[in-house]
Amino acid sequence: MKTYFRLLSFAKPIEKFAIPYVIATLLSILFGTLNLALLSPLFETLLNKKGAKTESLTDKAASAFNVLGTFRKFVNDSILLNGPDKTLQYVCIVIVISVLLSNLFRYISQRYMEDLRVHTLLNFRKRVFDNVMNLHVGFFNNERKGDIISKVASDVQVVQFTVTNTLQVVFKEPVTLIVYIVLLFNISAKLTFFSLLVIPISAFIISKIVKRLKQQAKESHESFAKMIGFLDESLSGIKIIKAFNASERVKNKFNQENIFYSNLMRKMVRRQQLGSPVSEFLGVLMISIIVWYGGT
């Protein structure tokens, strides 16, 4: 945790980015939740045309002291006064505005997060390069140039993404989860409890894929650093390589590392591409199980 806060110091002044990000994220989550909640009145407006059904819906709305209940009451009152067709227009307009605001605030929050990423990367890379320049000359006798170049060029960016992504995970994801759980409990506590028992199964499978991706990412950075170091050494000693006619040996050595790195990246890409279909399939499977359970 101390290391993380040290890394977070490179984002100063973080409040310049964090406060607008938090506000925009909260508004995005709010309207995103409304998008889901407002679908129920939309389908009820489409499917219910009779006065008897409308009265039952009005009773349900009157007992719900929340935004969804208020919107239900508005829908039912509008059906009685203006008819289903006119009410459907009103419902569609409200949903379109809600979706527009949700995506607008999500875009604003992402912009501030990207500004924070660039700002953090700027300060972090400058500090790393300054530290390299201040190191004793003896340090470079035991370190490969490729490792140093890789750390300044790519590893810094990986650390920077880790810092900013952690902010998103710590703040955005828990808030989103809490809001959706509250909404689900408001709809059906029984189905929500069942969902909380079923969903961890898919989360466990996806976590295994992510864990393996992290290991492969570490191996790929090490392999890339070796290639950069080997390239630097080859260019620095090109005259010696030519003098001893060792070009083919150097080519073969570089090609072996290049093949290893390419195969590793291929495996990483395949596993990354596997994540989306697997998560989508598991999501549909979990929803199907929940719907089946709720219908029985």
Protein backbone atom coordinates (compact mmCIF):
# COMPACT_ATOMS: atom_id res chain seq x y z
CA MET A 1 0.00 0.00 0.00
CA LYS A 2 2.88 2.38 0.75
CA THR A 3 4.29 1.71 -2.71
CA TYR A 4 0.92 2.49 -4.27
CA PHE A 5 0.63 5.82 -2.46
CA ARG A 6 4.17 6.68 -3.55
CA LEU A 7 3.17 6.00 -7.14
CA LEU A 8 0.01 8.03 -6.64
CA SER A 9 2.15 11.02 -5.69
CA PHE A 10 3.12 11.33 -9.36
CA ALA A 11 -0.50 12.25 -10.13
CA LYS A 12 -0.37 15.47 -8.08
CA PRO A 13 -2.38 17.65 -8.12
CA ILE A 14 -4.74 14.65 -8.23
CA GLU A 15 -7.76 16.61 -7.00
CA LYS A 16 -7.73 18.53 -10.29
CA PHE A 17 -8.71 15.30 -12.05
CA ALA A 18 -10.25 13.19 -9.28
CA ILE A 19 -13.07 15.53 -8.20
CA PRO A 20 -14.57 16.02 -11.71
CA TYR A 21 -14.05 12.29 -12.36
CA VAL A 22 -15.95 11.31 -9.20
CA ILE A 23 -18.85 13.68 -9.96
CA ALA A 24 -19.14 12.58 -13.61
CA THR A 25 -18.87 8.90 -12.64
CA LEU A 26 -21.63 9.18 -10.02
CA LEU A 27 -23.94 10.87 -12.51
CA SER A 28 -23.10 8.27 -15.16
CA ILE A 29 -23.90 5.44 -12.73
CA LEU A 30 -27.13 7.17 -11.67
CA PHE A 31 -28.46 7.58 -15.20
CA GLY A 32 -27.12 4.16 -16.22
CA THR A 33 -29.15 2.59 -13.42
CA LEU A 34 -32.21 4.57 -14.47
CA ASN A 35 -31.83 3.21 -18.01
CA LEU A 36 -32.28 -0.30 -16.64
CA ALA A 37 -35.07 0.66 -14.25
CA LEU A 38 -37.08 2.58 -16.84
CA LEU A 39 -37.32 -0.42 -19.16
CA SER A 40 -39.98 -1.98 -16.93
CA PRO A 41 -42.49 0.89 -17.34
CA LEU A 42 -41.72 0.89 -21.08
CA PHE A 43 -42.68 -2.76 -21.50
CA GLU A 44 -45.70 -2.30 -19.24
CA THR A 45 -46.85 0.58 -21.43
CA LEU A 46 -46.45 -1.58 -24.53
CA LEU A 47 -48.15 -4.66 -23.11
CA ASN A 48 -50.88 -3.21 -20.91
CA LYS A 49 -53.79 -1.51 -22.60
CA LYS A 50 -56.70 -2.28 -20.28
CA GLY A 51 -57.91 -0.10 -17.43
CA ALA A 52 -57.98 -2.92 -14.87
CA LYS A 53 -54.32 -3.67 -15.36
CA THR A 54 -53.51 0.01 -15.21
CA GLU A 55 -55.17 0.31 -11.81
CA SER A 56 -53.04 -2.49 -10.37
CA LEU A 57 -49.95 -0.83 -11.67
CA THR A 58 -51.03 2.45 -10.09
CA ASP A 59 -51.44 0.75 -6.75
CA LYS A 60 -47.96 -0.72 -7.07
CA ALA A 61 -46.53 2.69 -7.91
CA ALA A 62 -48.23 4.39 -4.98
CA SER A 63 -46.57 2.00 -2.56
CA ALA A 64 -43.05 2.62 -3.88
CA PHE A 65 -41.43 5.77 -2.51
CA ASN A 66 -38.62 6.03 -5.07
CA VAL A 67 -37.79 7.39 -8.50
CA LEU A 68 -39.00 4.25 -10.25
CA GLY A 69 -42.26 4.36 -8.30
CA THR A 70 -42.74 8.02 -9.18
CA PHE A 71 -42.09 7.29 -12.83
CA ARG A 72 -44.56 4.39 -12.73
CA LYS A 73 -47.19 6.71 -11.26
CA PHE A 74 -46.49 9.25 -14.00
CA VAL A 75 -46.85 6.52 -16.64
CA ASN A 76 -50.11 5.19 -15.23
CA ASP A 77 -51.61 8.67 -14.81
CA SER A 78 -50.58 9.52 -18.36
CA ILE A 79 -52.21 6.34 -19.68
CA LEU A 80 -55.48 7.33 -18.03
CA LEU A 81 -55.31 10.93 -19.29
CA ASN A 82 -53.58 10.69 -22.68
CA GLY A 83 -53.86 7.05 -23.69
CA PRO A 84 -51.17 4.37 -24.21
CA ASP A 85 -49.83 5.74 -27.52
CA LYS A 86 -49.09 9.23 -26.22
CA THR A 87 -47.66 7.78 -23.00
CA LEU A 88 -45.35 5.53 -25.01
CA GLN A 89 -43.91 8.64 -26.69
CA TYR A 90 -43.24 10.24 -23.30
CA VAL A 91 -41.58 7.09 -21.95
CA CYS A 92 -39.34 6.78 -25.03
CA ILE A 93 -38.29 10.44 -24.75
CA VAL A 94 -37.40 10.02 -21.06
CA ILE A 95 -35.35 6.87 -21.79
CA VAL A 96 -33.51 8.52 -24.71
CA ILE A 97 -32.61 11.53 -22.52
CA SER A 98 -31.48 9.22 -19.71
CA VAL A 99 -29.26 7.19 -22.07
CA LEU A 100 -27.83 10.38 -23.57
CA LEU A 101 -26.94 11.80 -20.15
CA SER A 102 -25.49 8.48 -18.98
CA ASN A 103 -23.14 8.25 -21.96
CA LEU A 104 -22.30 11.95 -21.83
CA PHE A 105 -21.17 11.76 -18.19
CA ARG A 106 -19.34 8.50 -18.87
CA TYR A 107 -17.43 10.23 -21.68
CA ILE A 108 -16.58 13.15 -19.39
CA SER A 109 -15.33 10.81 -16.65
CA GLN A 110 -13.18 8.89 -19.15
CA ARG A 111 -11.69 12.15 -20.43
CA TYR A 112 -10.62 13.18 -16.95
CA MET A 113 -9.21 9.71 -16.31
CA GLU A 114 -7.18 9.84 -19.54
CA ASP A 115 -5.87 13.29 -18.58
CA LEU A 116 -4.83 11.80 -15.23
CA ARG A 117 -3.07 8.92 -17.01
CA VAL A 118 -1.09 11.22 -19.29
CA HIS A 119 -0.21 13.54 -16.41
CA THR A 120 0.95 10.62 -14.24
CA LEU A 121 2.98 9.11 -17.09
CA LEU A 122 4.68 12.45 -17.76
CA ASN A 123 5.84 12.86 -14.16
CA PHE A 124 6.70 9.19 -13.67
CA ARG A 125 8.83 8.86 -16.81
CA LYS A 126 10.65 12.11 -16.02
CA ARG A 127 11.47 10.88 -12.51
CA VAL A 128 12.72 7.49 -13.78
CA PHE A 129 14.96 9.10 -16.40
CA ASP A 130 16.32 11.60 -13.88
CA ASN A 131 17.13 8.76 -11.48
CA VAL A 132 18.90 6.82 -14.23
CA MET A 133 21.03 9.85 -15.03
CA ASN A 134 21.93 10.26 -11.33
CA LEU A 135 23.06 6.64 -10.86
CA HIS A 136 26.72 5.80 -10.32
CA VAL A 137 28.61 4.71 -13.42
CA GLY A 138 29.32 1.33 -11.81
CA PHE A 139 25.61 0.51 -11.90
CA PHE A 140 25.69 0.27 -15.69
CA ASN A 141 28.43 -2.37 -15.64
CA ASN A 142 26.03 -4.96 -14.18
CA GLU A 143 22.83 -3.89 -15.92
CA ARG A 144 21.80 -4.60 -19.50
CA LYS A 145 20.97 -1.49 -21.49
CA GLY A 146 17.89 -3.23 -22.87
CA ASP A 147 16.47 -3.66 -19.37
CA ILE A 148 16.93 0.04 -18.63
CA ILE A 149 15.44 1.10 -21.97
CA SER A 150 12.49 -1.25 -21.49
CA LYS A 151 11.79 0.13 -18.01
CA VAL A 152 11.85 3.74 -19.19
CA ALA A 153 9.92 3.06 -22.42
CA SER A 154 7.29 0.45 -21.58
CA ASP A 155 7.37 -0.67 -17.94
CA VAL A 156 6.69 2.91 -16.79
CA GLN A 157 3.51 2.92 -18.87
CA VAL A 158 2.39 -0.41 -17.41
CA VAL A 159 2.84 0.90 -13.86
CA GLN A 160 1.00 4.09 -14.76
CA PHE A 161 -1.98 2.12 -16.12
CA THR A 162 -1.96 0.03 -12.95
CA VAL A 163 -2.19 3.15 -10.78
CA THR A 164 -5.04 4.78 -12.69
CA ASN A 165 -6.96 1.54 -13.28
CA THR A 166 -6.80 0.84 -9.55
CA LEU A 167 -8.54 4.17 -8.92
CA GLN A 168 -11.33 3.10 -11.24
CA VAL A 169 -11.65 -0.33 -9.62
CA VAL A 170 -11.59 1.07 -6.07
CA PHE A 171 -14.17 3.80 -6.69
CA LYS A 172 -16.30 3.15 -9.78
CA GLU A 173 -16.87 -0.60 -9.64
CA PRO A 174 -17.97 -0.84 -5.97
CA VAL A 175 -20.36 2.11 -6.35
CA THR A 176 -21.84 0.59 -9.52
CA LEU A 177 -22.20 -2.78 -7.82
CA ILE A 178 -23.91 -1.31 -4.75
CA VAL A 179 -26.35 0.73 -6.85
CA TYR A 180 -27.33 -2.26 -8.99
CA ILE A 181 -27.70 -4.56 -5.98
CA VAL A 182 -30.00 -2.02 -4.30
CA LEU A 183 -32.04 -1.81 -7.51
CA LEU A 184 -32.23 -5.60 -7.79
CA PHE A 185 -33.31 -5.95 -4.16
CA ASN A 186 -36.01 -3.39 -4.85
CA ILE A 187 -37.24 -5.50 -7.77
CA SER A 188 -36.92 -8.97 -6.19
CA ALA A 189 -34.97 -9.86 -3.07
CA LYS A 190 -35.35 -13.60 -3.72
CA LEU A 191 -33.83 -13.45 -7.21
CA THR A 192 -31.08 -11.14 -6.00
CA PHE A 193 -29.99 -13.61 -3.30
CA PHE A 194 -30.01 -16.40 -5.87
CA SER A 195 -27.94 -14.25 -8.27
CA LEU A 196 -25.34 -13.57 -5.59
CA LEU A 197 -24.92 -17.33 -5.18
CA VAL A 198 -24.65 -18.11 -8.92
CA ILE A 199 -22.57 -15.20 -10.28
CA PRO A 200 -19.34 -16.02 -8.32
CA ILE A 201 -19.00 -19.19 -10.42
CA SER A 202 -18.50 -17.17 -13.62
CA ALA A 203 -16.32 -14.66 -11.75
CA PHE A 204 -14.02 -17.51 -10.63
CA ILE A 205 -13.55 -18.75 -14.22
CA ILE A 206 -12.80 -15.26 -15.54
CA SER A 207 -10.34 -14.62 -12.69
CA LYS A 208 -8.35 -17.68 -13.77
CA ILE A 209 -8.02 -16.26 -17.29
CA VAL A 210 -6.94 -12.86 -15.94
CA LYS A 211 -4.38 -14.43 -13.59
CA ARG A 212 -2.73 -16.30 -16.45
CA LEU A 213 -2.72 -13.11 -18.55
CA LYS A 214 -0.76 -11.31 -15.82
CA GLN A 215 1.89 -14.05 -15.80
CA GLN A 216 2.22 -13.95 -19.59
CA ALA A 217 2.42 -10.14 -19.55
CA LYS A 218 5.38 -10.31 -17.14
CA GLU A 219 7.13 -12.88 -19.35
CA SER A 220 6.52 -10.78 -22.47
CA HIS A 221 8.07 -7.67 -20.87
CA GLU A 222 11.14 -9.66 -19.87
CA SER A 223 11.48 -11.10 -23.38
CA PHE A 224 11.04 -7.66 -24.96
CA ALA A 225 13.74 -6.25 -22.68
CA LYS A 226 16.11 -9.01 -23.81
CA MET A 227 15.48 -8.20 -27.47
CA ILE A 228 16.08 -4.49 -26.91
CA GLY A 229 19.29 -5.25 -25.03
CA PHE A 230 20.46 -7.67 -27.69
CA LEU A 231 19.70 -5.13 -30.42
CA ASP A 232 21.63 -2.42 -28.57
CA GLU A 233 24.63 -4.71 -28.03
CA SER A 234 24.61 -5.82 -31.65
CA LEU A 235 24.53 -2.26 -32.98
CA SER A 236 27.24 -1.15 -30.55
CA GLY A 237 29.52 -4.03 -31.55
CA ILE A 238 28.61 -4.26 -35.22
CA LYS A 239 32.23 -3.76 -36.33
CA ILE A 240 33.44 -6.63 -34.13
CA ILE A 241 30.61 -8.87 -35.36
CA LYS A 242 31.53 -8.13 -38.98
CA ALA A 243 35.25 -8.61 -38.29
CA PHE A 244 34.74 -12.11 -36.82
CA ASN A 245 32.11 -13.00 -39.44
CA ALA A 246 29.54 -13.73 -36.69
CA SER A 247 26.51 -12.20 -38.39
CA GLU A 248 24.65 -15.50 -38.83
CA ARG A 249 25.19 -16.48 -35.20
CA VAL A 250 23.88 -13.11 -34.01
CA LYS A 251 20.90 -13.36 -36.37
CA ASN A 252 19.99 -16.82 -35.10
CA LYS A 253 20.24 -15.73 -31.46
CA PHE A 254 18.00 -12.71 -32.04
CA ASN A 255 15.57 -14.79 -34.12
CA GLN A 256 15.18 -17.34 -31.32
CA GLU A 257 14.20 -14.64 -28.84
CA ASN A 258 11.97 -13.01 -31.44
CA ILE A 259 10.12 -16.29 -32.05
CA PHE A 260 9.70 -16.83 -28.30
CA TYR A 261 8.30 -13.31 -27.88
CA SER A 262 5.96 -13.70 -30.88
CA ASN A 263 4.60 -17.02 -29.60
CA LEU A 264 4.07 -15.50 -26.17
CA MET A 265 2.20 -12.52 -27.62
CA ARG A 266 0.10 -14.87 -29.75
CA LYS A 267 -0.92 -16.82 -26.63
CA MET A 268 -1.72 -13.57 -24.81
CA VAL A 269 -3.90 -12.28 -27.65
CA ARG A 270 -5.75 -15.60 -27.87
CA ARG A 271 -6.42 -15.56 -24.15
CA GLN A 272 -7.51 -11.91 -24.31
CA GLN A 273 -9.88 -12.67 -27.18
CA LEU A 274 -11.20 -15.65 -25.22
CA GLY A 275 -12.18 -13.40 -22.32
CA SER A 276 -15.04 -11.61 -24.10
CA PRO A 277 -16.82 -14.71 -25.54
CA VAL A 278 -16.43 -16.62 -22.27
CA SER A 279 -17.74 -13.74 -20.15
CA GLU A 280 -20.64 -13.17 -22.57
CA PHE A 281 -21.55 -16.87 -22.62
CA LEU A 282 -21.31 -17.16 -18.84
CA GLY A 283 -23.38 -13.99 -18.46
CA VAL A 284 -26.15 -15.35 -20.69
CA LEU A 285 -25.94 -18.71 -18.91
CA MET A 286 -26.26 -17.08 -15.48
CA ILE A 287 -29.18 -14.91 -16.63
CA SER A 288 -30.91 -17.96 -18.13
CA ILE A 289 -30.53 -19.86 -14.86
CA ILE A 290 -31.86 -16.88 -12.89
CA VAL A 291 -34.83 -16.44 -15.26
CA TRP A 292 -35.57 -20.18 -15.10
CA TYR A 293 -35.38 -20.11 -11.31
CA GLY A 294 -37.61 -17.04 -11.14
CA GLY A 295 -40.21 -18.62 -13.43
CA THR A 296 -40.49 -21.86 -11.47
